[in-house]
Structures are given as C-alpha cells and as structure tokens.
Amino acid sequence: MEQSHNQLPVQLKNPALFDSRGFVAGNWKSAASNKTFPVIEPSSGQVLGICADFSQQDFVEAIEDADRGFRKYFFSTTAKQRSVLLRKWNDLILQNLDDLANILSLENGKTLAEAKGEVAYAASFVAWFAEEAVRSYGDVIPSSYQNTTAMTFKEPVGVCGIITPWNFPAAMITRKIAPAFAAGCAVVIKPPSETPFSAIALVRLALEAGFPPDIVHVVPTKDRNASLELATHPKVKKISFTGSTNVGKMLTKLAAGTIKRVSMELGGNAPFIVFDDANIAKAIEGALICKFRSSGQTCVCANRLYVHQDVLEDFTQGLIRRVSSFKLGRGIDEGVTHGPLVNAAAVDKVKSHVQDALQKGGQLRYGGDVPSDTPPGFFYQPTIITHANKDMLLATDETFGPIAAIFPFSSEDEVIEMANDTEFGLAGYFFSENVNRVLRVAQRLECGMVGVNTGLMSAVETPFGGVKESGIGHEGSKYGLGEYQNIKAVTIGNQSA
C-alpha cells in the first residue's frame, strides 16, 4: 500500500519518516476499514495530515503477532545482541534528529529548540537501556536446605501494551519501549491521536536498526474501545500508560481482569516553594523552566507556586520581567520561545482557571487572555496571578497551561501542609540556601521526585515516578528495566546418588 501523500510545510532530509500508516504484523498499512482521522497543527488550527484509524480487530492482530514474535525474540537473542540493536537505533535517532524535531514541533506545537531537546532526550533512553540490557543480573542465594542451590533469573514479562501522551510524543515512546526491548519484550504501541507521527517515525527507525518486525507494532486510533484491547487481551502481560489519573485508574481496573503488570505515570499538582532564604534569581529561573516549558504542558509542571511573603513581590516582579520577553508563535519559526496549547479544549481549560481565580480573589499581574498577535492557532498568553488560594480550581486541578498561580505563605510548617494537601504526588520543587532545611523539606514533601534549587529534574539516570494518585512504578534509571521483567526462582537439589 502506498505511503501517505501528506505534505509537511518543511522539507525533510528523509521524507519516509513522515508516514500516516501503522505498522502491524510486519507490514506498513492503513486500517482494514480504511478509516482515517485528521491531525491538527496546534499553531495554525489547520490539518497537518491524515492518519490511519485502526480498529479493535487490528489491535488483536498486532497483539497476537507480537506474542509470536516475543517467543522467538527473547529465546533467540542474547542481551548483547539486544544491546547492539538499541545502539543502532540510538544512532539513527540522532542522525535524523532535525527531521524528527520538525515533525514533533509541527504536530505538538512546541518550539523547534524544545523539540530538538526532546528528540535528544528520547535517544538518551535508548542509549541508556543499551547499557542496562547487558547488566541484568540474577542471584545465587544461600539455601537453607543441604545439597541445594537456589538462584534467580530475570525474564521478560512478554507482550507490553504501550499508551503514550501527546505532550512528549518522542521521549515517552523511547522511555517505555527501550527497556522493553532491552528485557526481551515485544510491544504494541497506541500513540496519541494528537501526535501520532513522531511515534510512527521512531518505529520506522527501530525497524531500520534491525529490530524484528513482529516485536514492534504501532497502531494509531481514535477508537477508545479499540485501544482498550491492550488492557484486556490475555496475551498482553503488561500495560504502560502515561496520561490522566482518571484514565489510568480505568486502565488499571481493566488490567486487573487478567492480572497484568502495570506502570502508570499519571497526573500531578506540583508545588513550587520559594523560601525567604532562597536565591530569588535562581528561583525565577527554576520557575521559568518548570512552569512555562512546553507552555506549561508537562506532567511535572509547577502548578502551585508558594512564595514566602517576605520575598513575594521581589519574586513576582522578577518573574513578570522575564515572562514579558516571551515570543509566542509557530514552533518552527525563528525567534519563537513558546508555542501554542495542544487544542481548543486546552485553551478553554486555561481560560476557565483564570476566570475562576479572578472571581475568587486572585489578582491578575500579567497576561490573562488569548493573544492578538499570533497565528490563528491554540494560543494563550503566559499568565501570572497573585493572591491565589486553596478554593481556586488551579489549586486542585492540573492546569496544563501557562498560568503561574502564586500563593503566599509565612512558615515552613504552613507551606508543607499546603503542598501536601493534594491527592497527587508526582513532583515537587523548593528553593532554599539553608542546608538543614533542604534535607528536612525534601523528606517531608509527599511526592516521588523533588527538585531542590532547580526546575529541571527529568533525566535518563533518575527514576521517574510518583506516589499517591500520581502513579505506580518507575521509568528510566537503573530501576526501569525491572519494570519489564519477572523474577524466576529456581531451586536445584544436587544431592549425589
């Protein structure tokens, strides 16, 4: 079947990377029904391309082929061979970085600089798990029985269902499937319908690197019931999901029907605390990174900025000065610092949070409206609101947009109580130059990841995961491989005749 004739507004060095088809059971193809769905470019609100829309039966076909492929792949490859394939894939991602970044920027809206950074970040997971593949050690255990040897082996869980979000369409793919490949698993990927083309391009490069065609499948769809096959099919042994808490809860319930392994990276409501002994310039830089990166559309984004009343105005004025220099526009255009939100619904949510905050006593210090000087896409001004309080929507609901809501506080105990007053526990940040406070507050914050005097904590070597209703499991780091492995205990009686 011919490749899509979608046309990008930029010229790629490797045009084959921009494909609208899925890869199922060893073939690039459209859905059996020939159904498609449009992918909207957020910067313009116009159709970027048309993507194949697969059905539940297509998912079943992919899962069953993946199961057959898994049984061949793991038992016919060594960890060293899997490591070599991952290294080749890493090299191909980096060789095609510019093309991948252009595709990502257009379908997601983030700036080209951010897109290039994400592609490099995505490649880092592939390189990392190429190393981890050959360091998956078992144990020999001293046995309590005479003439007996006890040992453990680590084995792949099997077929993994992968569901990824639109806000990091490259990095969230590799962070999941690189450890799956390293462990010896097969994957069936359901990419986000908002940004399917990055996932398709990465799968094409994985196949070019030499991964067997029956262990990797990418199946785009807008049919929710079709993708739920990944949570219910008995041949899928693990599901890894990044997205909203509500969807994660639903998938976890469905996965319980066949007792699947689950990894859930879910919603956040990250506190960002600036103590009176903080370096204010450093705190402002941290806020710019973890509040306004990707226009506020990250799961570890600072959602509630708690600033000590003694430094409140200094911090606010400094933040306004920096935010006022932002340039909104199409991500691929030169000089643009911040792109659009992903769709009209995202803009509406930000509007509702701003209106609610102002009605409940918030003071608008900057922004607060749809800009008039940007392309006709899904843009919203970076916004700063002071006098925020716990009754506002933005205190309890993950905004996922460029609103910096600043809450005043007066004591450490008060702000710790406010920071922990949420069902979420993904990330938290705080700024202080007091070493005793650093250790104390880092321990008291109820979250899986803490950034101290920095707004950037996501890295391949650091475990990524939350507590409470922010998820289950960890991705990346030395712990990430184990999420795709089972431990098998073997006890051998060696008594002589």
Protein backbone atom coordinates (compact mmCIF):
# COMPACT_ATOMS: atom_id res chain seq x y z
CA MET A 1 0.00 0.00 0.00
CA GLU A 2 1.35 3.41 -0.87
CA GLN A 3 2.68 5.78 1.71
CA SER A 4 0.61 8.80 2.69
CA HIS A 5 0.74 11.86 0.46
CA ASN A 6 0.52 14.23 3.42
CA GLN A 7 2.69 17.26 2.80
CA LEU A 8 4.61 18.98 5.60
CA PRO A 9 5.30 22.72 5.43
CA VAL A 10 9.02 21.92 5.82
CA GLN A 11 11.24 19.72 3.68
CA LEU A 12 12.67 16.66 5.40
CA LYS A 13 16.02 15.14 4.55
CA ASN A 14 14.38 11.73 4.99
CA PRO A 15 10.78 12.15 3.75
CA ALA A 16 9.98 8.49 4.53
CA LEU A 17 9.90 9.36 8.23
CA PHE A 18 6.61 11.21 7.81
CA ASP A 19 4.13 8.39 7.35
CA SER A 20 0.43 8.19 8.13
CA ARG A 21 0.18 4.39 8.33
CA GLY A 22 0.52 1.96 11.17
CA PHE A 23 2.91 -0.97 11.36
CA VAL A 24 1.00 -4.15 12.17
CA ALA A 25 2.05 -7.79 11.82
CA GLY A 26 5.15 -6.96 9.80
CA ASN A 27 3.57 -4.55 7.34
CA TRP A 28 3.11 -0.82 6.91
CA LYS A 29 -0.57 -0.45 6.17
CA SER A 30 -3.75 1.53 6.62
CA ALA A 31 -6.63 0.32 8.75
CA ALA A 32 -8.59 -2.61 7.33
CA SER A 33 -11.66 -0.35 7.28
CA ASN A 34 -9.68 2.44 5.53
CA LYS A 35 -10.84 4.81 8.27
CA THR A 36 -8.65 7.86 8.94
CA PHE A 37 -8.58 10.85 11.28
CA PRO A 38 -7.14 14.35 10.88
CA VAL A 39 -4.14 15.52 12.89
CA ILE A 40 -4.37 19.24 13.64
CA GLU A 41 -1.33 21.51 13.77
CA PRO A 42 -1.82 23.47 17.03
CA SER A 43 0.00 26.55 15.74
CA SER A 44 -2.45 27.09 12.89
CA GLY A 45 -5.55 25.12 13.76
CA GLN A 46 -5.31 23.55 10.31
CA VAL A 47 -4.98 19.91 9.29
CA LEU A 48 -1.34 18.83 9.30
CA GLY A 49 -2.00 15.34 8.00
CA ILE A 50 -4.39 12.41 7.80
CA CYS A 51 -3.58 9.31 9.86
CA ALA A 52 -4.86 5.74 9.66
CA ASP A 53 -7.53 4.93 12.25
CA PHE A 54 -7.25 1.28 13.31
CA SER A 55 -9.97 -0.94 14.79
CA GLN A 56 -10.18 -3.37 17.68
CA GLN A 57 -9.56 -6.27 15.30
CA ASP A 58 -6.35 -4.57 14.12
CA PHE A 59 -5.18 -4.42 17.74
CA VAL A 60 -5.95 -8.11 18.20
CA GLU A 61 -3.91 -8.93 15.09
CA ALA A 62 -0.99 -6.84 16.39
CA ILE A 63 -1.13 -8.43 19.86
CA GLU A 64 -1.21 -11.98 18.56
CA ASP A 65 1.67 -11.33 16.17
CA ALA A 66 3.62 -9.67 18.97
CA ASP A 67 3.08 -12.72 21.17
CA ARG A 68 4.52 -14.99 18.48
CA GLY A 69 7.38 -12.56 17.91
CA PHE A 70 8.20 -12.32 21.60
CA ARG A 71 8.64 -16.05 21.94
CA LYS A 72 11.17 -16.04 19.10
CA TYR A 73 12.90 -12.78 20.01
CA PHE A 74 13.80 -13.46 23.62
CA PHE A 75 14.90 -17.05 23.20
CA SER A 76 16.89 -16.40 20.02
CA THR A 77 18.76 -13.26 21.12
CA THR A 78 21.31 -12.53 23.81
CA ALA A 79 21.40 -9.43 25.95
CA LYS A 80 24.46 -8.36 23.96
CA GLN A 81 22.60 -8.65 20.67
CA ARG A 82 19.70 -6.60 22.04
CA SER A 83 22.19 -4.01 23.26
CA VAL A 84 23.68 -3.71 19.77
CA LEU A 85 20.24 -3.16 18.23
CA LEU A 86 19.47 -0.45 20.75
CA ARG A 87 22.76 1.28 19.98
CA LYS A 88 21.94 1.25 16.27
CA TRP A 89 18.52 2.70 17.00
CA ASN A 90 20.05 5.44 19.15
CA ASP A 91 22.46 6.34 16.35
CA LEU A 92 19.66 6.52 13.78
CA ILE A 93 17.56 8.77 16.02
CA LEU A 94 20.46 11.19 16.41
CA GLN A 95 21.27 11.06 12.69
CA ASN A 96 17.67 12.04 11.94
CA LEU A 97 17.31 14.49 14.82
CA ASP A 98 16.40 17.52 12.67
CA ASP A 99 13.68 15.68 10.76
CA LEU A 100 12.23 14.17 13.93
CA ALA A 101 12.26 17.57 15.61
CA ASN A 102 10.43 19.21 12.72
CA ILE A 103 7.72 16.53 12.76
CA LEU A 104 7.40 16.83 16.54
CA SER A 105 7.28 20.64 16.52
CA LEU A 106 4.57 20.72 13.87
CA GLU A 107 2.26 18.13 15.40
CA ASN A 108 2.79 19.13 19.03
CA GLY A 109 3.37 22.89 18.76
CA LYS A 110 6.48 23.18 20.94
CA THR A 111 9.36 25.25 19.65
CA LEU A 112 11.94 23.70 17.39
CA ALA A 113 14.59 24.13 20.08
CA GLU A 114 12.44 22.28 22.60
CA ALA A 115 11.62 19.62 20.01
CA LYS A 116 15.31 19.03 19.30
CA GLY A 117 15.94 18.77 23.02
CA GLU A 118 13.17 16.21 23.36
CA VAL A 119 14.48 14.07 20.50
CA ALA A 120 17.95 14.04 22.08
CA TYR A 121 16.30 13.17 25.41
CA ALA A 122 14.38 10.36 23.69
CA ALA A 123 17.61 8.98 22.24
CA SER A 124 19.25 9.05 25.68
CA PHE A 125 16.82 6.39 26.92
CA VAL A 126 17.74 4.13 24.04
CA ALA A 127 21.45 4.57 24.75
CA TRP A 128 20.91 4.04 28.48
CA PHE A 129 19.00 0.79 28.10
CA ALA A 130 21.52 -0.48 25.57
CA GLU A 131 23.89 -0.45 28.55
CA GLU A 132 21.35 -1.83 31.03
CA ALA A 133 20.47 -4.76 28.76
CA VAL A 134 23.81 -6.45 29.48
CA ARG A 135 23.69 -5.71 33.21
CA SER A 136 20.56 -7.57 34.19
CA TYR A 137 21.91 -9.76 36.93
CA GLY A 138 20.30 -12.60 38.82
CA ASP A 139 21.47 -14.01 42.15
CA VAL A 140 22.74 -17.20 43.72
CA ILE A 141 21.07 -17.44 47.13
CA PRO A 142 22.45 -19.36 50.11
CA SER A 143 19.96 -22.15 50.57
CA SER A 144 18.53 -23.23 53.92
CA TYR A 145 18.46 -26.84 52.66
CA GLN A 146 21.54 -29.04 52.43
CA ASN A 147 22.74 -30.10 48.98
CA THR A 148 20.51 -27.48 47.34
CA THR A 149 21.27 -24.48 45.15
CA ALA A 150 18.85 -21.57 44.89
CA MET A 151 19.12 -18.91 42.22
CA THR A 152 17.07 -16.27 40.43
CA PHE A 153 16.74 -15.38 36.77
CA LYS A 154 15.25 -12.23 35.26
CA GLU A 155 12.96 -12.84 32.30
CA PRO A 156 10.84 -10.51 30.13
CA VAL A 157 7.19 -10.16 31.04
CA GLY A 158 6.07 -10.73 27.43
CA VAL A 159 3.91 -8.53 25.21
CA CYS A 160 3.63 -4.96 26.51
CA GLY A 161 0.83 -2.55 25.66
CA ILE A 162 2.21 0.98 25.40
CA ILE A 163 -0.03 4.05 25.56
CA THR A 164 1.75 7.40 25.33
CA PRO A 165 0.75 11.07 25.68
CA TRP A 166 0.88 13.94 23.20
CA ASN A 167 2.99 16.33 25.29
CA PHE A 168 6.23 14.33 24.83
CA PRO A 169 5.49 12.25 21.74
CA ALA A 170 9.10 11.10 21.25
CA ALA A 171 10.53 10.78 24.76
CA MET A 172 7.57 8.91 26.22
CA ILE A 173 7.85 6.29 23.46
CA THR A 174 11.52 5.53 24.00
CA ARG A 175 11.30 5.72 27.79
CA LYS A 176 8.88 2.80 27.62
CA ILE A 177 9.94 0.64 24.71
CA ALA A 178 13.72 0.89 25.08
CA PRO A 179 13.63 -1.03 28.41
CA ALA A 180 11.03 -3.38 26.96
CA PHE A 181 13.34 -4.23 24.04
CA ALA A 182 16.34 -4.50 26.39
CA ALA A 183 14.46 -7.01 28.55
CA GLY A 184 13.38 -9.06 25.53
CA CYS A 185 9.72 -8.00 25.34
CA ALA A 186 7.54 -7.21 22.34
CA VAL A 187 5.44 -4.04 22.20
CA VAL A 188 2.16 -2.84 20.75
CA ILE A 189 2.08 0.95 20.78
CA LYS A 190 -1.03 3.09 20.76
CA PRO A 191 0.33 6.60 20.04
CA PRO A 192 -1.65 9.72 20.94
CA SER A 193 -4.10 10.72 18.22
CA GLU A 194 -2.99 14.36 18.62
CA THR A 195 0.64 13.49 17.77
CA PRO A 196 0.91 10.08 16.06
CA PHE A 197 3.58 10.93 13.50
CA SER A 198 6.56 11.05 15.91
CA ALA A 199 5.81 7.54 17.15
CA ILE A 200 5.45 6.23 13.61
CA ALA A 201 8.80 7.79 12.65
CA LEU A 202 10.57 6.28 15.66
CA VAL A 203 9.19 2.82 14.86
CA ARG A 204 10.44 3.17 11.30
CA LEU A 205 13.94 3.86 12.64
CA ALA A 206 13.71 0.94 15.09
CA LEU A 207 12.96 -1.38 12.17
CA GLU A 208 15.82 0.13 10.20
CA ALA A 209 18.09 -0.60 13.19
CA GLY A 210 17.22 -4.28 12.85
CA PHE A 211 14.55 -5.00 15.43
CA PRO A 212 12.39 -7.91 14.22
CA PRO A 213 9.15 -6.70 12.61
CA ASP A 214 6.99 -8.95 14.77
CA ILE A 215 8.08 -7.45 18.10
CA VAL A 216 7.19 -3.83 17.37
CA HIS A 217 3.75 -2.62 16.28
CA VAL A 218 2.39 0.92 16.14
CA VAL A 219 -1.39 1.15 15.87
CA PRO A 220 -2.87 4.68 15.69
CA THR A 221 -6.55 5.06 16.53
CA LYS A 222 -9.18 7.43 17.83
CA ASP A 223 -11.37 4.49 18.80
CA ARG A 224 -11.16 4.25 22.59
CA ASN A 225 -12.67 0.77 22.65
CA ALA A 226 -10.07 -0.48 20.19
CA SER A 227 -7.13 0.65 22.32
CA LEU A 228 -8.70 -0.88 25.45
CA GLU A 229 -7.74 -4.24 23.94
CA LEU A 230 -4.27 -3.51 25.34
CA ALA A 231 -5.72 -3.58 28.86
CA THR A 232 -7.93 -6.64 28.45
CA HIS A 233 -6.33 -9.05 25.97
CA PRO A 234 -4.87 -12.03 27.88
CA LYS A 235 -1.73 -12.14 25.72
CA VAL A 236 -0.74 -8.65 26.83
CA LYS A 237 1.19 -9.18 30.06
CA LYS A 238 1.94 -5.56 30.95
CA ILE A 239 0.47 -2.16 30.17
CA SER A 240 2.46 1.05 30.47
CA PHE A 241 0.47 4.27 30.37
CA THR A 242 1.26 7.96 30.71
CA GLY A 243 -1.73 10.28 30.95
CA SER A 244 -4.53 11.43 33.19
CA THR A 245 -5.27 9.87 36.56
CA ASN A 246 -8.87 9.08 35.63
CA VAL A 247 -7.85 7.12 32.54
CA GLY A 248 -5.04 5.44 34.48
CA LYS A 249 -7.50 4.25 37.12
CA MET A 250 -9.79 2.86 34.44
CA LEU A 251 -6.95 1.02 32.68
CA THR A 252 -5.69 -0.40 35.99
CA LYS A 253 -9.15 -1.79 36.77
CA LEU A 254 -9.34 -3.39 33.33
CA ALA A 255 -5.82 -4.81 33.61
CA ALA A 256 -6.79 -6.47 36.90
CA GLY A 257 -9.07 -8.80 34.95
CA THR A 258 -6.02 -10.68 33.68
CA ILE A 259 -3.63 -9.61 36.49
CA LYS A 260 -1.35 -7.65 34.16
CA ARG A 261 1.70 -5.77 35.33
CA VAL A 262 1.03 -2.04 35.17
CA SER A 263 3.16 1.08 35.04
CA MET A 264 1.11 4.23 35.48
CA GLU A 265 2.59 7.72 35.18
CA LEU A 266 -0.42 9.90 35.94
CA GLY A 267 -1.44 13.43 36.83
CA GLY A 268 0.38 15.89 39.03
CA ASN A 269 -0.21 19.04 41.04
CA ALA A 270 3.37 20.02 41.73
CA PRO A 271 4.13 22.55 44.46
CA PHE A 272 6.95 25.05 43.84
CA ILE A 273 8.14 26.62 47.09
CA VAL A 274 10.31 29.73 47.41
CA PHE A 275 11.52 30.19 50.99
CA ASP A 276 12.67 33.53 52.37
CA ASP A 277 16.28 32.30 52.38
CA ALA A 278 16.18 31.33 48.69
CA ASN A 279 18.31 32.75 45.93
CA ILE A 280 15.50 34.66 44.19
CA ALA A 281 17.22 34.87 40.81
CA LYS A 282 17.74 31.11 40.85
CA ALA A 283 14.11 30.56 41.89
CA ILE A 284 12.86 32.69 39.00
CA GLU A 285 14.96 30.68 36.55
CA GLY A 286 13.56 27.49 38.04
CA ALA A 287 10.00 28.74 37.66
CA LEU A 288 10.58 29.64 34.01
CA ILE A 289 11.76 26.09 33.34
CA CYS A 290 9.21 24.05 35.25
CA LYS A 291 6.19 26.32 34.83
CA PHE A 292 6.45 27.61 31.26
CA ARG A 293 8.39 24.87 29.46
CA SER A 294 6.20 23.45 26.67
CA SER A 295 3.74 26.26 27.51
CA GLY A 296 3.01 24.60 30.84
CA GLN A 297 2.05 21.26 29.31
CA THR A 298 4.23 18.85 31.28
CA CYS A 299 3.16 16.41 33.98
CA VAL A 300 5.91 17.68 36.31
CA CYS A 301 4.97 21.29 35.65
CA ALA A 302 4.79 23.57 38.71
CA ASN A 303 1.07 24.02 39.34
CA ARG A 304 1.10 25.91 42.66
CA LEU A 305 3.82 28.48 43.34
CA TYR A 306 4.17 29.09 47.08
CA VAL A 307 6.30 32.17 47.80
CA HIS A 308 7.23 33.42 51.28
CA GLN A 309 5.55 36.75 51.99
CA ASP A 310 8.90 38.45 52.69
CA VAL A 311 10.13 37.82 49.12
CA LEU A 312 6.76 37.69 47.38
CA GLU A 313 6.95 40.97 45.49
CA ASP A 314 10.62 40.58 44.51
CA PHE A 315 9.89 37.16 43.05
CA THR A 316 6.70 38.29 41.30
CA GLN A 317 8.29 41.37 39.71
CA GLY A 318 11.28 39.35 38.54
CA LEU A 319 9.06 36.68 37.04
CA ILE A 320 6.96 39.28 35.22
CA ARG A 321 10.09 40.84 33.71
CA ARG A 322 11.25 37.51 32.34
CA VAL A 323 7.85 36.34 31.11
CA SER A 324 7.26 39.62 29.30
CA SER A 325 10.16 38.76 26.98
CA PHE A 326 8.46 35.59 25.69
CA LYS A 327 7.59 35.45 21.99
CA LEU A 328 4.62 33.25 21.10
CA GLY A 329 4.23 31.72 17.66
CA ARG A 330 4.64 28.74 15.42
CA GLY A 331 7.25 26.45 16.88
CA ILE A 332 9.32 26.12 13.70
CA ASP A 333 9.60 29.90 13.23
CA GLU A 334 12.82 31.65 14.20
CA GLY A 335 12.82 33.61 17.44
CA VAL A 336 9.73 31.95 18.90
CA THR A 337 10.20 31.00 22.57
CA HIS A 338 6.81 29.42 23.30
CA GLY A 339 4.29 27.62 21.16
CA PRO A 340 0.55 27.01 21.42
CA LEU A 341 -1.50 24.71 23.58
CA VAL A 342 -2.42 21.38 22.04
CA ASN A 343 -6.06 22.11 21.12
CA ALA A 344 -9.06 24.37 21.69
CA ALA A 345 -10.15 22.38 24.76
CA ALA A 346 -6.81 23.12 26.42
CA VAL A 347 -7.28 26.85 25.81
CA ASP A 348 -10.79 26.69 27.23
CA LYS A 349 -9.50 24.99 30.39
CA VAL A 350 -6.88 27.68 30.93
CA LYS A 351 -9.50 30.40 30.39
CA SER A 352 -11.80 28.78 32.96
CA HIS A 353 -9.00 28.56 35.53
CA VAL A 354 -8.10 32.23 35.06
CA GLN A 355 -11.72 33.37 35.31
CA ASP A 356 -12.31 31.23 38.40
CA ALA A 357 -9.16 32.58 40.09
CA LEU A 358 -10.11 36.20 39.45
CA GLN A 359 -13.63 35.62 40.75
CA LYS A 360 -12.20 34.15 43.95
CA GLY A 361 -9.85 36.98 44.83
CA GLY A 362 -6.88 36.41 42.55
CA GLN A 363 -5.03 39.45 41.18
CA LEU A 364 -4.00 39.39 37.53
CA ARG A 365 -0.43 40.66 37.23
CA TYR A 366 0.37 39.63 33.67
CA GLY A 367 -1.34 38.10 30.63
CA GLY A 368 -4.73 36.54 31.13
CA ASP A 369 -6.08 36.46 27.60
CA VAL A 370 -5.80 35.00 24.12
CA PRO A 371 -3.07 36.96 22.28
CA SER A 372 -3.99 39.02 19.26
CA ASP A 373 -0.58 38.96 17.57
CA THR A 374 -0.12 35.21 16.98
CA PRO A 375 -1.20 32.83 14.19
CA PRO A 376 -4.81 31.57 14.38
CA GLY A 377 -3.89 28.54 16.46
CA PHE A 378 -4.46 27.49 20.08
CA PHE A 379 -2.52 30.20 21.90
CA TYR A 380 -2.88 31.69 25.36
CA GLN A 381 -0.74 34.38 26.94
CA PRO A 382 1.65 33.39 29.72
CA THR A 383 -0.21 34.50 32.81
CA ILE A 384 0.77 35.44 36.36
CA ILE A 385 -1.84 35.59 39.14
CA THR A 386 -1.12 36.52 42.75
CA HIS A 387 -3.27 36.21 45.89
CA ALA A 388 -4.08 32.62 44.91
CA ASN A 389 -5.89 30.49 47.48
CA LYS A 390 -6.92 26.87 48.05
CA ASP A 391 -10.52 27.44 46.90
CA MET A 392 -9.48 28.10 43.31
CA LEU A 393 -9.61 25.46 40.59
CA LEU A 394 -5.96 25.97 39.83
CA ALA A 395 -5.13 24.85 43.39
CA THR A 396 -6.70 21.42 42.93
CA ASP A 397 -6.91 20.79 39.18
CA GLU A 398 -3.84 20.28 37.00
CA THR A 399 -4.00 23.34 34.71
CA PHE A 400 -1.66 22.08 31.96
CA GLY A 401 -1.19 25.59 30.67
CA PRO A 402 0.92 28.74 31.08
CA ILE A 403 -0.55 30.07 34.36
CA ALA A 404 1.76 30.86 37.26
CA ALA A 405 -0.53 30.99 40.31
CA ILE A 406 1.33 32.47 43.29
CA PHE A 407 0.22 31.58 46.83
CA PRO A 408 1.70 33.50 49.80
CA PHE A 409 2.90 31.70 52.94
CA SER A 410 4.62 32.65 56.19
CA SER A 411 6.13 29.49 57.74
CA GLU A 412 7.70 26.19 56.78
CA ASP A 413 5.09 24.09 58.54
CA GLU A 414 2.29 26.02 56.84
CA VAL A 415 3.68 25.60 53.35
CA ILE A 416 4.48 21.90 53.80
CA GLU A 417 0.87 21.30 54.85
CA MET A 418 -0.41 23.22 51.81
CA ALA A 419 2.00 21.49 49.43
CA ASN A 420 0.95 18.03 50.60
CA ASP A 421 -2.78 18.85 50.60
CA THR A 422 -3.48 17.03 47.33
CA GLU A 423 -4.23 13.51 46.18
CA PHE A 424 -1.33 13.78 43.73
CA GLY A 425 2.33 13.16 44.43
CA LEU A 426 4.39 13.26 41.25
CA ALA A 427 6.87 16.14 41.55
CA GLY A 428 7.71 18.96 43.94
CA TYR A 429 10.21 21.81 43.92
CA PHE A 430 11.63 24.15 46.52
CA PHE A 431 14.33 26.79 46.79
CA SER A 432 16.38 27.42 49.91
CA GLU A 433 20.02 28.14 50.73
CA ASN A 434 19.71 26.53 54.18
CA VAL A 435 21.23 23.04 54.06
CA ASN A 436 19.28 21.84 57.07
CA ARG A 437 16.02 22.97 55.50
CA VAL A 438 16.97 21.32 52.22
CA LEU A 439 17.26 17.90 53.82
CA ARG A 440 14.23 18.39 56.07
CA VAL A 441 11.80 19.63 53.41
CA ALA A 442 12.95 17.11 50.79
CA GLN A 443 11.93 14.35 53.20
CA ARG A 444 8.63 15.96 54.18
CA LEU A 445 7.25 16.57 50.69
CA GLU A 446 4.91 13.76 49.66
CA CYS A 447 5.98 13.17 46.07
CA GLY A 448 8.07 10.78 44.04
CA MET A 449 10.51 13.37 42.73
CA VAL A 450 11.89 16.52 44.35
CA GLY A 451 13.83 19.32 42.68
CA VAL A 452 15.91 21.41 45.09
CA ASN A 453 17.15 24.76 43.76
CA THR A 454 16.39 23.61 40.23
CA GLY A 455 13.38 23.44 37.96
CA LEU A 456 14.76 20.62 35.85
CA MET A 457 14.94 17.10 37.26
CA SER A 458 13.96 14.72 34.45
CA ALA A 459 16.98 12.76 33.25
CA VAL A 460 17.59 9.26 31.99
CA GLU A 461 19.59 8.27 35.06
CA THR A 462 16.93 9.44 37.53
CA PRO A 463 13.88 7.28 38.32
CA PHE A 464 10.70 8.94 37.10
CA GLY A 465 7.54 8.11 39.02
CA GLY A 466 5.05 9.32 41.59
CA VAL A 467 3.23 8.36 44.76
CA LYS A 468 -0.40 8.62 45.87
CA GLU A 469 -2.67 9.02 42.82
CA SER A 470 0.19 10.06 40.55
CA GLY A 471 1.05 6.54 39.58
CA ILE A 472 2.68 3.17 40.02
CA GLY A 473 6.19 2.17 39.01
CA HIS A 474 9.27 3.97 37.74
CA GLU A 475 10.67 4.72 34.31
CA GLY A 476 14.28 5.34 33.31
CA SER A 477 17.25 4.87 35.63
CA LYS A 478 18.66 1.56 36.86
CA TYR A 479 15.17 0.68 38.10
CA GLY A 480 13.44 1.00 34.74
CA LEU A 481 14.48 -2.34 33.27
CA GLY A 482 12.94 -4.29 36.16
CA GLU A 483 9.51 -2.89 35.30
CA TYR A 484 9.57 -5.14 32.21
CA GLN A 485 10.94 -8.26 33.88
CA ASN A 486 9.72 -11.12 36.01
CA ILE A 487 11.95 -12.74 38.63
CA LYS A 488 12.03 -16.51 38.44
CA ALA A 489 13.33 -18.51 41.39
CA VAL A 490 14.99 -21.84 40.58
CA THR A 491 15.84 -24.34 43.33
CA ILE A 492 18.07 -27.28 42.38
CA GLY A 493 18.53 -30.34 44.55
CA ASN A 494 22.07 -31.58 43.92
CA GLN A 495 22.38 -34.46 46.35
CA SER A 496 24.71 -37.08 44.99
CA ALA A 497 23.48 -40.61 44.32
